Protein backbone atom coordinates (compact mmCIF):
# COMPACT_ATOMS: atom_id res chain seq x y z
CA MET A 1 0.00 0.00 0.00
CA GLN A 2 1.24 3.44 -0.90
CA PHE A 3 -0.28 6.49 0.77
CA PHE A 4 -0.27 10.15 -0.22
CA LEU A 5 -0.41 13.32 1.87
CA SER A 6 -3.72 15.19 1.70
CA THR A 7 -2.12 18.01 -0.29
CA GLU A 8 -1.03 15.52 -2.94
CA TYR A 9 -4.44 14.03 -3.71
CA GLN A 10 -7.35 15.92 -2.10
CA PRO A 11 -7.57 18.83 -4.59
CA ASN A 12 -7.89 16.36 -7.48
CA CYS A 13 -10.43 14.24 -5.58
CA ALA A 14 -12.51 17.33 -4.77
CA ARG A 15 -12.68 18.25 -8.48
CA LEU A 16 -13.43 14.66 -9.45
CA PHE A 17 -16.18 14.46 -6.82
CA GLU A 18 -17.90 17.58 -8.18
CA ASP A 19 -17.69 16.13 -11.69
CA TYR A 20 -19.20 12.80 -10.66
CA LYS A 21 -21.80 14.45 -8.42
CA ASN A 22 -23.09 16.54 -11.33
CA LYS A 23 -23.34 13.48 -13.58
CA ILE A 24 -25.02 11.38 -10.89
CA GLU A 25 -27.54 14.14 -10.10
CA GLN A 26 -28.57 14.16 -13.75
CA LEU A 27 -29.13 10.40 -13.76
CA ILE A 28 -30.60 10.07 -10.27
CA PRO A 29 -32.03 13.44 -9.17
CA PHE A 30 -33.67 11.93 -6.05
CA ALA A 31 -30.37 10.62 -4.58
CA VAL A 32 -28.42 12.04 -1.66
CA ILE A 33 -24.81 12.33 -2.85
CA GLU A 34 -21.96 12.87 -0.39
CA HIS A 35 -18.17 12.90 -0.58
CA ILE A 36 -16.88 10.28 1.89
CA GLY A 37 -13.66 8.43 2.57
CA SER A 38 -10.25 9.88 3.35
CA SER A 39 -10.40 12.39 0.52
CA ALA A 40 -13.33 14.06 2.34
CA ILE A 41 -11.42 14.36 5.62
CA PRO A 42 -8.97 17.26 6.08
CA ASN A 43 -5.36 16.13 6.53
CA ALA A 44 -6.10 12.43 6.02
CA ILE A 45 -3.53 10.45 4.11
CA SER A 46 -4.88 8.10 1.47
CA LYS A 47 -4.23 5.79 -1.45
CA GLY A 48 -5.56 8.72 -3.47
CA ASP A 49 -8.91 7.20 -4.37
CA LEU A 50 -12.34 8.81 -4.24
CA ASP A 51 -15.38 7.38 -2.44
CA ILE A 52 -18.87 8.66 -3.12
CA TYR A 53 -21.92 7.90 -0.97
CA ILE A 54 -25.23 7.66 -2.82
CA GLU A 55 -28.35 7.23 -0.71
CA VAL A 56 -31.64 6.12 -2.27
CA SER A 57 -34.85 4.46 -1.12
CA ALA A 58 -35.00 0.67 -1.02
CA LYS A 59 -37.35 0.64 -4.00
CA ASP A 60 -34.83 2.66 -6.06
CA LEU A 61 -31.71 0.63 -5.23
CA VAL A 62 -31.73 -1.70 -8.25
CA LEU A 63 -32.71 1.08 -10.66
CA THR A 64 -29.90 3.27 -9.30
CA ILE A 65 -27.32 0.51 -9.76
CA GLU A 66 -28.48 -0.03 -13.34
CA GLN A 67 -28.57 3.71 -14.14
CA LEU A 68 -25.01 4.29 -12.97
CA ASN A 69 -23.53 1.73 -15.33
CA PHE A 70 -20.50 1.02 -13.11
CA LYS A 71 -19.24 -2.46 -12.36
CA GLU A 72 -19.95 -4.07 -9.01
CA LYS A 73 -16.91 -4.08 -6.74
CA LEU A 74 -15.98 -7.68 -5.97
CA ASP A 75 -14.83 -8.94 -2.57
CA THR A 76 -16.85 -6.32 -0.70
CA LEU A 77 -19.96 -6.55 1.40
CA ARG A 78 -23.14 -6.73 -0.71
CA THR A 79 -26.58 -6.69 0.92
CA GLN A 80 -30.10 -5.54 0.07
CA GLU A 81 -29.11 -2.18 1.57
CA LEU A 82 -25.59 -1.75 0.20
CA CYS A 83 -23.91 -2.18 -3.15
CA MET A 84 -20.41 -0.96 -3.92
CA LEU A 85 -19.58 -0.05 -7.49
CA GLU A 86 -16.31 1.02 -9.09
CA SER A 87 -15.32 3.03 -12.11
CA SER A 88 -13.22 1.53 -14.87
CA GLU A 89 -12.08 5.07 -15.76
CA HIS A 90 -10.83 6.48 -12.44
CA ASP A 91 -10.01 5.18 -8.97
CA VAL A 92 -13.56 5.94 -7.83
CA ALA A 93 -15.90 3.80 -5.73
CA LEU A 94 -19.62 4.41 -5.29
CA GLN A 95 -21.33 3.21 -2.12
CA ILE A 96 -25.01 2.81 -2.98
CA VAL A 97 -26.88 2.85 0.33
CA VAL A 98 -30.55 2.43 1.22
CA SER A 99 -32.00 5.32 3.24
CA GLY A 100 -32.37 4.56 6.92
CA SER A 101 -29.97 1.61 6.83
CA GLU A 102 -27.01 0.99 9.11
CA PHE A 103 -24.76 2.01 6.21
CA LYS A 104 -25.39 5.65 6.96
CA ASN A 105 -22.35 4.97 9.15
CA PHE A 106 -20.19 5.98 6.17
CA LEU A 107 -21.32 9.54 6.92
CA THR A 108 -21.00 9.10 10.68
CA PHE A 109 -17.40 7.94 10.34
CA ARG A 110 -16.51 10.81 8.01
CA ASP A 111 -18.11 13.35 10.33
CA GLN A 112 -16.40 11.92 13.41
CA LEU A 113 -13.00 12.37 11.79
CA ARG A 114 -13.86 15.83 10.46
CA HIS A 115 -14.74 16.94 14.00
CA HIS A 116 -11.89 15.19 15.82
CA PRO A 117 -8.40 15.82 14.38
CA ASP A 118 -6.91 13.42 16.94
CA LEU A 119 -8.85 10.60 15.26
CA VAL A 120 -7.45 11.66 11.88
CA GLN A 121 -3.96 11.49 13.36
CA GLN A 122 -4.65 7.97 14.69
CA TYR A 123 -6.09 6.95 11.31
CA ASN A 124 -3.01 8.30 9.52
CA GLN A 125 -0.72 6.41 11.90
CA LEU A 126 -2.62 3.19 11.23
CA LYS A 127 -2.27 3.70 7.49
CA GLN A 128 1.44 4.42 7.77
CA ARG A 129 1.92 1.18 9.74
CA CYS A 130 0.14 -0.64 6.90
CA SER A 131 2.62 0.47 4.25
CA GLY A 132 3.74 -2.72 2.54
CA PHE A 133 0.75 -4.75 3.78
CA SER A 134 -1.55 -6.59 1.40
CA PRO A 135 -4.85 -4.85 0.56
CA GLN A 136 -6.71 -7.47 2.62
CA GLN A 137 -4.52 -6.95 5.69
CA TYR A 138 -4.98 -3.20 5.36
CA ARG A 139 -8.78 -3.52 5.01
CA GLU A 140 -8.96 -5.73 8.11
CA LEU A 141 -7.04 -3.26 10.29
CA LYS A 142 -8.93 -0.30 8.85
CA SER A 143 -12.23 -2.05 9.55
CA ILE A 144 -11.30 -2.49 13.23
CA PHE A 145 -10.39 1.20 13.48
CA ILE A 146 -13.67 2.26 11.85
CA GLU A 147 -15.71 0.06 14.21
CA ASN A 148 -13.87 1.56 17.19
CA VAL A 149 -14.62 5.09 16.00
CA LEU A 150 -18.28 4.27 15.41
CA ASN A 151 -18.51 2.78 18.90
CA GLN A 152 -16.71 5.66 20.68
CA GLU A 153 -17.87 7.17 23.92
CA PRO A 154 -20.62 9.79 23.48
CA SER A 155 -18.08 12.59 24.00
CA TYR A 156 -16.83 11.88 20.49
CA LYS A 157 -20.28 11.99 18.97
């Protein structure tokens, strides 16, 4: 795993997000579209990829997936409330989430880190320790960190 400083990748991800958001809004005007992942968190280091959260009603999930015309991301969690898609053009992942589902935690995690720079520092340290790890090892450690943040004491919420 190679990680980049926020100054090296976030400006490009912000532009890319706006581009994708505009296109997605045209296809799916009823969706909630949010910039998530490290590129949405000030000072977070990252692999340099872009994650986009797209929230729709349960009845619109399948239609949304079809409309976006991205390929389903393999080896990720897939439920009736979550589908992850990826672009073949850019390093962009779309998290298609059903409104009211537990997967709103993508936003909760982002917001926790935006409001608590000490958590960003811990997250960066974890990523730096993962340099040279396999993607699966990295995902496992990152998943533990995310769960810990989501289960923090109320003072962090």
